[in-house]
Amino acid sequence: MSRAHFTIKIFSVLQDRLGTDALEIEQESSLSVRDLVDEACKQYPKLEAYRSFFRVAVNLEYAQDDDRVSADDEVAILMPASGG
């Protein structure tokens, strides 16, 4: 299978902890959200500590772990909103 470049946008505390606003991943051209997050955690180990808290959005909609994602999709990792 061919390889593709994925850009995962991150926000708030993740930007602060990882020192960037986007994660760059080279991976198979089509894979599950779970597989993409697994690879992101391997390449950006600090991300793993937040894995149980964040949600992944694909093309502006929350995604499930088994949903497929391709390189032309817009992918973002979102932390829960806080406030009061």
PDB file of N, CA and C in Angstrom:
ATOM      1  N   MET A   1       0.843  -1.176   0.000  1.00  0.00           N
ATOM      2  CA  MET A   1       0.000   0.000   0.000  1.00  0.00           C
ATOM      3  C   MET A   1       0.887   1.238   0.000  1.00  0.00           C
ATOM      4  N   SER A   2       0.438   2.271  -0.663  1.00  0.00           N
ATOM      5  CA  SER A   2       1.245   3.486  -0.745  1.00  0.00           C
ATOM      6  C   SER A   2       1.214   4.261   0.571  1.00  0.00           C
ATOM      7  N   ARG A   3       2.233   5.104   0.746  1.00  0.00           N
ATOM      8  CA  ARG A   3       2.340   5.903   1.966  1.00  0.00           C
ATOM      9  C   ARG A   3       1.849   7.310   1.682  1.00  0.00           C
ATOM     10  N   ALA A   4       1.402   7.968   2.748  1.00  0.00           N
ATOM     11  CA  ALA A   4       0.864   9.316   2.608  1.00  0.00           C
ATOM     12  C   ALA A   4       1.258  10.153   3.818  1.00  0.00           C
ATOM     13  N   HIS A   5       1.139  11.448   3.656  1.00  0.00           N
ATOM     14  CA  HIS A   5       1.466  12.397   4.716  1.00  0.00           C
ATOM     15  C   HIS A   5       0.172  12.882   5.371  1.00  0.00           C
ATOM     16  N   PHE A   6       0.092  12.744   6.690  1.00  0.00           N
ATOM     17  CA  PHE A   6      -1.061  13.208   7.462  1.00  0.00           C
ATOM     18  C   PHE A   6      -0.633  14.375   8.332  1.00  0.00           C
ATOM     19  N   THR A   7      -1.486  15.376   8.420  1.00  0.00           N
ATOM     20  CA  THR A   7      -1.300  16.478   9.348  1.00  0.00           C
ATOM     21  C   THR A   7      -2.457  16.435  10.332  1.00  0.00           C
ATOM     22  N   ILE A   8      -2.132  16.351  11.616  1.00  0.00           N
ATOM     23  CA  ILE A   8      -3.147  16.332  12.668  1.00  0.00           C
ATOM     24  C   ILE A   8      -3.041  17.643  13.431  1.00  0.00           C
ATOM     25  N   LYS A   9      -4.095  18.432  13.397  1.00  0.00           N
ATOM     26  CA  LYS A   9      -4.101  19.702  14.124  1.00  0.00           C
ATOM     27  C   LYS A   9      -4.331  19.434  15.611  1.00  0.00           C
ATOM     28  N   ILE A  10      -3.620  20.182  16.454  1.00  0.00           N
ATOM     29  CA  ILE A  10      -3.827  20.086  17.898  1.00  0.00           C
ATOM     30  C   ILE A  10      -4.010  21.488  18.466  1.00  0.00           C
ATOM     31  N   PHE A  11      -4.610  21.550  19.648  1.00  0.00           N
ATOM     32  CA  PHE A  11      -4.969  22.832  20.238  1.00  0.00           C
ATOM     33  C   PHE A  11      -4.674  22.834  21.740  1.00  0.00           C
ATOM     34  N   SER A  12      -4.802  24.000  22.335  1.00  0.00           N
ATOM     35  CA  SER A  12      -4.740  24.266  23.778  1.00  0.00           C
ATOM     36  C   SER A  12      -3.559  23.585  24.459  1.00  0.00           C
ATOM     37  N   VAL A  13      -3.849  22.817  25.490  1.00  0.00           N
ATOM     38  CA  VAL A  13      -2.792  22.226  26.313  1.00  0.00           C
ATOM     39  C   VAL A  13      -1.860  21.330  25.490  1.00  0.00           C
ATOM     40  N   LEU A  14      -2.384  20.670  24.475  1.00  0.00           N
ATOM     41  CA  LEU A  14      -1.526  19.812  23.653  1.00  0.00           C
ATOM     42  C   LEU A  14      -0.493  20.628  22.891  1.00  0.00           C
ATOM     43  N   GLN A  15      -0.877  21.806  22.399  1.00  0.00           N
ATOM     44  CA  GLN A  15       0.103  22.682  21.750  1.00  0.00           C
ATOM     45  C   GLN A  15       1.206  23.051  22.729  1.00  0.00           C
ATOM     46  N   ASP A  16       0.814  23.397  23.944  1.00  0.00           N
ATOM     47  CA  ASP A  16       1.800  23.780  24.958  1.00  0.00           C
ATOM     48  C   ASP A  16       2.736  22.621  25.282  1.00  0.00           C
ATOM     49  N   ARG A  17       2.191  21.437  25.474  1.00  0.00           N
ATOM     50  CA  ARG A  17       2.997  20.279  25.889  1.00  0.00           C
ATOM     51  C   ARG A  17       3.882  19.739  24.771  1.00  0.00           C
ATOM     52  N   LEU A  18       3.377  19.785  23.537  1.00  0.00           N
ATOM     53  CA  LEU A  18       4.132  19.223  22.422  1.00  0.00           C
ATOM     54  C   LEU A  18       4.937  20.269  21.661  1.00  0.00           C
ATOM     55  N   GLY A  19       4.688  21.544  21.924  1.00  0.00           N
ATOM     56  CA  GLY A  19       5.465  22.612  21.308  1.00  0.00           C
ATOM     57  C   GLY A  19       5.206  22.821  19.829  1.00  0.00           C
ATOM     58  N   THR A  20       4.012  22.470  19.372  1.00  0.00           N
ATOM     59  CA  THR A  20       3.652  22.625  17.967  1.00  0.00           C
ATOM     60  C   THR A  20       2.144  22.742  17.855  1.00  0.00           C
ATOM     61  N   ASP A  21       1.654  23.172  16.695  1.00  0.00           N
ATOM     62  CA  ASP A  21       0.206  23.220  16.497  1.00  0.00           C
ATOM     63  C   ASP A  21      -0.287  22.128  15.547  1.00  0.00           C
ATOM     64  N   ALA A  22       0.633  21.282  15.085  1.00  0.00           N
ATOM     65  CA  ALA A  22       0.249  20.196  14.191  1.00  0.00           C
ATOM     66  C   ALA A  22       1.257  19.056  14.292  1.00  0.00           C
ATOM     67  N   LEU A  23       0.744  17.841  14.204  1.00  0.00           N
ATOM     68  CA  LEU A  23       1.581  16.644  14.199  1.00  0.00           C
ATOM     69  C   LEU A  23       1.690  16.156  12.761  1.00  0.00           C
ATOM     70  N   GLU A  24       2.885  15.829  12.341  1.00  0.00           N
ATOM     71  CA  GLU A  24       3.129  15.360  10.974  1.00  0.00           C
ATOM     72  C   GLU A  24       3.445  13.867  11.028  1.00  0.00           C
ATOM     73  N   ILE A  25       2.657  13.075  10.294  1.00  0.00           N
ATOM     74  CA  ILE A  25       2.766  11.620  10.335  1.00  0.00           C
ATOM     75  C   ILE A  25       2.870  11.079   8.912  1.00  0.00           C
ATOM     76  N   GLU A  26       3.813  10.177   8.672  1.00  0.00           N
ATOM     77  CA  GLU A  26       3.888   9.419   7.417  1.00  0.00           C
ATOM     78  C   GLU A  26       3.353   8.026   7.715  1.00  0.00           C
ATOM     79  N   GLN A  27       2.371   7.578   6.938  1.00  0.00           N
ATOM     80  CA  GLN A  27       1.732   6.303   7.228  1.00  0.00           C
ATOM     81  C   GLN A  27       1.054   5.798   5.963  1.00  0.00           C
ATOM     82  N   GLU A  28       0.422   4.620   6.054  1.00  0.00           N
ATOM     83  CA  GLU A  28      -0.325   4.097   4.916  1.00  0.00           C
ATOM     84  C   GLU A  28      -1.360   5.120   4.475  1.00  0.00           C
ATOM     85  N   SER A  29      -1.722   5.091   3.204  1.00  0.00           N
ATOM     86  CA  SER A  29      -2.591   6.128   2.653  1.00  0.00           C
ATOM     87  C   SER A  29      -4.017   6.088   3.191  1.00  0.00           C
ATOM     88  N   SER A  30      -4.460   4.965   3.701  1.00  0.00           N
ATOM     89  CA  SER A  30      -5.787   4.872   4.313  1.00  0.00           C
ATOM     90  C   SER A  30      -5.686   3.942   5.512  1.00  0.00           C
ATOM     91  N   LEU A  31      -6.126   4.423   6.663  1.00  0.00           N
ATOM     92  CA  LEU A  31      -6.035   3.622   7.874  1.00  0.00           C
ATOM     93  C   LEU A  31      -7.113   4.068   8.843  1.00  0.00           C
ATOM     94  N   SER A  32      -7.249   3.347   9.943  1.00  0.00           N
ATOM     95  CA  SER A  32      -8.268   3.701  10.927  1.00  0.00           C
ATOM     96  C   SER A  32      -7.789   4.861  11.790  1.00  0.00           C
ATOM     97  N   VAL A  33      -8.746   5.547  12.394  1.00  0.00           N
ATOM     98  CA  VAL A  33      -8.414   6.614  13.335  1.00  0.00           C
ATOM     99  C   VAL A  33      -7.528   6.053  14.443  1.00  0.00           C
ATOM    100  N   ARG A  34      -7.861   4.877  14.948  1.00  0.00           N
ATOM    101  CA  ARG A  34      -7.065   4.245  16.008  1.00  0.00           C
ATOM    102  C   ARG A  34      -5.613   4.059  15.569  1.00  0.00           C
ATOM    103  N   ASP A  35      -5.404   3.552  14.354  1.00  0.00           N
ATOM    104  CA  ASP A  35      -4.042   3.330  13.863  1.00  0.00           C
ATOM    105  C   ASP A  35      -3.278   4.641  13.700  1.00  0.00           C
ATOM    106  N   LEU A  36      -3.971   5.684  13.254  1.00  0.00           N
ATOM    107  CA  LEU A  36      -3.319   6.982  13.108  1.00  0.00           C
ATOM    108  C   LEU A  36      -2.920   7.539  14.475  1.00  0.00           C
ATOM    109  N   VAL A  37      -3.797   7.416  15.463  1.00  0.00           N
ATOM    110  CA  VAL A  37      -3.477   7.887  16.814  1.00  0.00           C
ATOM    111  C   VAL A  37      -2.349   7.050  17.412  1.00  0.00           C
ATOM    112  N   ASP A  38      -2.364   5.740  17.189  1.00  0.00           N
ATOM    113  CA  ASP A  38      -1.260   4.885  17.662  1.00  0.00           C
ATOM    114  C   ASP A  38       0.072   5.388  17.121  1.00  0.00           C
ATOM    115  N   GLU A  39       0.110   5.669  15.833  1.00  0.00           N
ATOM    116  CA  GLU A  39       1.351   6.141  15.211  1.00  0.00           C
ATOM    117  C   GLU A  39       1.735   7.521  15.744  1.00  0.00           C
ATOM    118  N   ALA A  40       0.755   8.392  15.932  1.00  0.00           N
ATOM    119  CA  ALA A  40       1.037   9.722  16.487  1.00  0.00           C
ATOM    120  C   ALA A  40       1.644   9.602  17.886  1.00  0.00           C
ATOM    121  N   CYS A  41       1.127   8.686  18.696  1.00  0.00           N
ATOM    122  CA  CYS A  41       1.660   8.491  20.050  1.00  0.00           C
ATOM    123  C   CYS A  41       3.077   7.914  20.021  1.00  0.00           C
ATOM    124  N   LYS A  42       3.382   7.097  19.026  1.00  0.00           N
ATOM    125  CA  LYS A  42       4.750   6.580  18.885  1.00  0.00           C
ATOM    126  C   LYS A  42       5.721   7.698  18.521  1.00  0.00           C
ATOM    127  N   GLN A  43       5.309   8.550  17.587  1.00  0.00           N
ATOM    128  CA  GLN A  43       6.194   9.611  17.110  1.00  0.00           C
ATOM    129  C   GLN A  43       6.243  10.809  18.052  1.00  0.00           C
ATOM    130  N   TYR A  44       5.199  11.002  18.833  1.00  0.00           N
ATOM    131  CA  TYR A  44       5.107  12.116  19.787  1.00  0.00           C
ATOM    132  C   TYR A  44       4.733  11.526  21.144  1.00  0.00           C
ATOM    133  N   PRO A  45       5.690  10.941  21.867  1.00  0.00           N
ATOM    134  CA  PRO A  45       5.397  10.193  23.095  1.00  0.00           C
ATOM    135  C   PRO A  45       4.630  10.978  24.161  1.00  0.00           C
ATOM    136  N   LYS A  46       4.793  12.284  24.233  1.00  0.00           N
ATOM    137  CA  LYS A  46       4.063  13.079  25.233  1.00  0.00           C
ATOM    138  C   LYS A  46       2.555  13.030  25.001  1.00  0.00           C
ATOM    139  N   LEU A  47       2.130  12.738  23.791  1.00  0.00           N
ATOM    140  CA  LEU A  47       0.708  12.670  23.462  1.00  0.00           C
ATOM    141  C   LEU A  47       0.011  11.538  24.210  1.00  0.00           C
ATOM    142  N   GLU A  48       0.708  10.451  24.454  1.00  0.00           N
ATOM    143  CA  GLU A  48       0.120   9.264  25.091  1.00  0.00           C
ATOM    144  C   GLU A  48      -0.530   9.595  26.434  1.00  0.00           C
ATOM    145  N   ALA A  49       0.042  10.498  27.200  1.00  0.00           N
ATOM    146  CA  ALA A  49      -0.492  10.849  28.522  1.00  0.00           C
ATOM    147  C   ALA A  49      -1.893  11.453  28.442  1.00  0.00           C
ATOM    148  N   TYR A  50      -2.275  11.970  27.283  1.00  0.00           N
ATOM    149  CA  TYR A  50      -3.568  12.636  27.114  1.00  0.00           C
ATOM    150  C   TYR A  50      -4.573  11.786  26.343  1.00  0.00           C
ATOM    151  N   ARG A  51      -4.161  10.613  25.935  1.00  0.00           N
ATOM    152  CA  ARG A  51      -4.979   9.794  25.038  1.00  0.00           C
ATOM    153  C   ARG A  51      -6.367   9.482  25.599  1.00  0.00           C
ATOM    154  N   SER A  52      -6.473   9.245  26.877  1.00  0.00           N
ATOM    155  CA  SER A  52      -7.785   8.899  27.440  1.00  0.00           C
ATOM    156  C   SER A  52      -8.707  10.114  27.548  1.00  0.00           C
ATOM    157  N   PHE A  53      -8.174  11.316  27.319  1.00  0.00           N
ATOM    158  CA  PHE A  53      -8.969  12.530  27.457  1.00  0.00           C
ATOM    159  C   PHE A  53      -9.424  13.123  26.127  1.00  0.00           C
ATOM    160  N   PHE A  54      -8.655  12.942  25.063  1.00  0.00           N
ATOM    161  CA  PHE A  54      -8.985  13.653  23.827  1.00  0.00           C
ATOM    162  C   PHE A  54      -9.917  12.881  22.914  1.00  0.00           C
ATOM    163  N   ARG A  55     -10.528  13.631  21.999  1.00  0.00           N
ATOM    164  CA  ARG A  55     -11.354  13.071  20.933  1.00  0.00           C
ATOM    165  C   ARG A  55     -10.717  13.445  19.609  1.00  0.00           C
ATOM    166  N   VAL A  56     -10.958  12.629  18.606  1.00  0.00           N
ATOM    167  CA  VAL A  56     -10.450  12.901  17.263  1.00  0.00           C
ATOM    168  C   VAL A  56     -11.622  13.325  16.384  1.00  0.00           C
ATOM    169  N   ALA A  57     -11.410  14.388  15.638  1.00  0.00           N
ATOM    170  CA  ALA A  57     -12.404  14.843  14.662  1.00  0.00           C
ATOM    171  C   ALA A  57     -11.813  14.680  13.266  1.00  0.00           C
ATOM    172  N   VAL A  58     -12.634  14.201  12.358  1.00  0.00           N
ATOM    173  CA  VAL A  58     -12.251  14.061  10.954  1.00  0.00           C
ATOM    174  C   VAL A  58     -13.268  14.844  10.132  1.00  0.00           C
ATOM    175  N   ASN A  59     -12.758  15.794   9.371  1.00  0.00           N
ATOM    176  CA  ASN A  59     -13.621  16.652   8.548  1.00  0.00           C
ATOM    177  C   ASN A  59     -14.730  17.300   9.382  1.00  0.00           C
ATOM    178  N   LEU A  60     -14.321  17.831  10.541  1.00  0.00           N
ATOM    179  CA  LEU A  60     -15.179  18.613  11.437  1.00  0.00           C
ATOM    180  C   LEU A  60     -16.256  17.808  12.150  1.00  0.00           C
ATOM    181  N   GLU A  61     -16.136  16.479  12.174  1.00  0.00           N
ATOM    182  CA  GLU A  61     -17.075  15.633  12.908  1.00  0.00           C
ATOM    183  C   GLU A  61     -16.289  14.667  13.778  1.00  0.00           C
ATOM    184  N   TYR A  62     -16.798  14.444  15.008  1.00  0.00           N
ATOM    185  CA  TYR A  62     -16.135  13.479  15.876  1.00  0.00           C
ATOM    186  C   TYR A  62     -16.086  12.126  15.191  1.00  0.00           C
ATOM    187  N   ALA A  63     -14.953  11.450  15.326  1.00  0.00           N
ATOM    188  CA  ALA A  63     -14.738  10.163  14.663  1.00  0.00           C
ATOM    189  C   ALA A  63     -14.662   9.044  15.696  1.00  0.00           C
ATOM    190  N   GLN A  64     -15.016   7.855  15.262  1.00  0.00           N
ATOM    191  CA  GLN A  64     -14.869   6.644  16.072  1.00  0.00           C
ATOM    192  C   GLN A  64     -13.526   6.001  15.731  1.00  0.00           C
ATOM    193  N   ASP A  65     -13.008   5.184  16.637  1.00  0.00           N
ATOM    194  CA  ASP A  65     -11.701   4.555  16.436  1.00  0.00           C
ATOM    195  C   ASP A  65     -11.611   3.750  15.143  1.00  0.00           C
ATOM    196  N   ASP A  66     -12.703   3.122  14.740  1.00  0.00           N
ATOM    197  CA  ASP A  66     -12.679   2.268  13.549  1.00  0.00           C
ATOM    198  C   ASP A  66     -12.953   3.017  12.248  1.00  0.00           C
ATOM    199  N   ASP A  67     -13.301   4.305  12.330  1.00  0.00           N
ATOM    200  CA  ASP A  67     -13.522   5.090  11.112  1.00  0.00           C
ATOM    201  C   ASP A  67     -12.232   5.157  10.303  1.00  0.00           C
ATOM    202  N   ARG A  68     -12.379   5.188   8.985  1.00  0.00           N
ATOM    203  CA  ARG A  68     -11.221   5.280   8.099  1.00  0.00           C
ATOM    204  C   ARG A  68     -10.860   6.740   7.881  1.00  0.00           C
ATOM    205  N   VAL A  69      -9.581   6.992   7.747  1.00  0.00           N
ATOM    206  CA  VAL A  69      -9.087   8.334   7.490  1.00  0.00           C
ATOM    207  C   VAL A  69      -8.060   8.252   6.367  1.00  0.00           C
ATOM    208  N   SER A  70      -8.068   9.253   5.501  1.00  0.00           N
ATOM    209  CA  SER A  70      -7.077   9.308   4.429  1.00  0.00           C
ATOM    210  C   SER A  70      -6.353  10.647   4.495  1.00  0.00           C
ATOM    211  N   ALA A  71      -5.274  10.759   3.766  1.00  0.00           N
ATOM    212  CA  ALA A  71      -4.393  11.925   3.867  1.00  0.00           C
ATOM    213  C   ALA A  71      -5.083  13.229   3.491  1.00  0.00           C
ATOM    214  N   ASP A  72      -6.105  13.183   2.670  1.00  0.00           N
ATOM    215  CA  ASP A  72      -6.779  14.426   2.293  1.00  0.00           C
ATOM    216  C   ASP A  72      -7.866  14.847   3.280  1.00  0.00           C
ATOM    217  N   ASP A  73      -8.088  14.055   4.328  1.00  0.00           N
ATOM    218  CA  ASP A  73      -9.041  14.426   5.371  1.00  0.00           C
ATOM    219  C   ASP A  73      -8.427  15.453   6.316  1.00  0.00           C
ATOM    220  N   GLU A  74      -9.276  16.305   6.883  1.00  0.00           N
ATOM    221  CA  GLU A  74      -8.831  17.231   7.922  1.00  0.00           C
ATOM    222  C   GLU A  74      -8.991  16.522   9.261  1.00  0.00           C
ATOM    223  N   VAL A  75      -7.882  16.323   9.960  1.00  0.00           N
ATOM    224  CA  VAL A  75      -7.888  15.590  11.225  1.00  0.00           C
ATOM    225  C   VAL A  75      -7.445  16.523  12.342  1.00  0.00           C
ATOM    226  N   ALA A  76      -8.164  16.467  13.462  1.00  0.00           N
ATOM    227  CA  ALA A  76      -7.807  17.284  14.618  1.00  0.00           C
ATOM    228  C   ALA A  76      -7.995  16.470  15.888  1.00  0.00           C
ATOM    229  N   ILE A  77      -7.144  16.733  16.862  1.00  0.00           N
ATOM    230  CA  ILE A  77      -7.285  16.157  18.193  1.00  0.00           C
ATOM    231  C   ILE A  77      -7.792  17.264  19.097  1.00  0.00           C
ATOM    232  N   LEU A  78      -8.904  16.984  19.778  1.00  0.00           N
ATOM    233  CA  LEU A  78      -9.562  17.986  20.606  1.00  0.00           C
ATOM    234  C   LEU A  78      -9.621  17.528  22.058  1.00  0.00           C
ATOM    235  N   MET A  79      -9.210  18.401  22.942  1.00  0.00           N
ATOM    236  CA  MET A  79      -9.337  18.152  24.374  1.00  0.00           C
ATOM    237  C   MET A  79     -10.729  18.604  24.805  1.00  0.00           C
ATOM    238  N   PRO A  80     -11.231  18.062  25.927  1.00  0.00           N
ATOM    239  CA  PRO A  80     -12.545  18.509  26.400  1.00  0.00           C
ATOM    240  C   PRO A  80     -12.525  19.996  26.745  1.00  0.00           C
ATOM    241  N   ALA A  81     -13.648  20.642  26.530  1.00  0.00           N
ATOM    242  CA  ALA A  81     -13.765  22.059  26.887  1.00  0.00           C
ATOM    243  C   ALA A  81     -13.811  22.193  28.405  1.00  0.00           C
ATOM    244  N   SER A  82     -13.222  23.253  28.892  1.00  0.00           N
ATOM    245  CA  SER A  82     -13.277  23.502  30.330  1.00  0.00           C
ATOM    246  C   SER A  82     -13.848  24.887  30.562  1.00  0.00           C
ATOM    247  N   GLY A  83     -14.225  25.119  31.740  1.00  0.00           N
ATOM    248  CA  GLY A  83     -14.771  26.430  32.072  1.00  0.00           C
ATOM    249  C   GLY A  83     -15.849  26.291  33.112  1.00  0.00           C
ATOM    250  N   GLY A  84     -16.526  27.354  33.338  1.00  0.00           N
ATOM    251  CA  GLY A  84     -17.579  27.269  34.340  1.00  0.00           C
ATOM    252  C   GLY A  84     -18.299  28.562  34.491  1.00  0.00           C
TER     253      GLY A  84
END
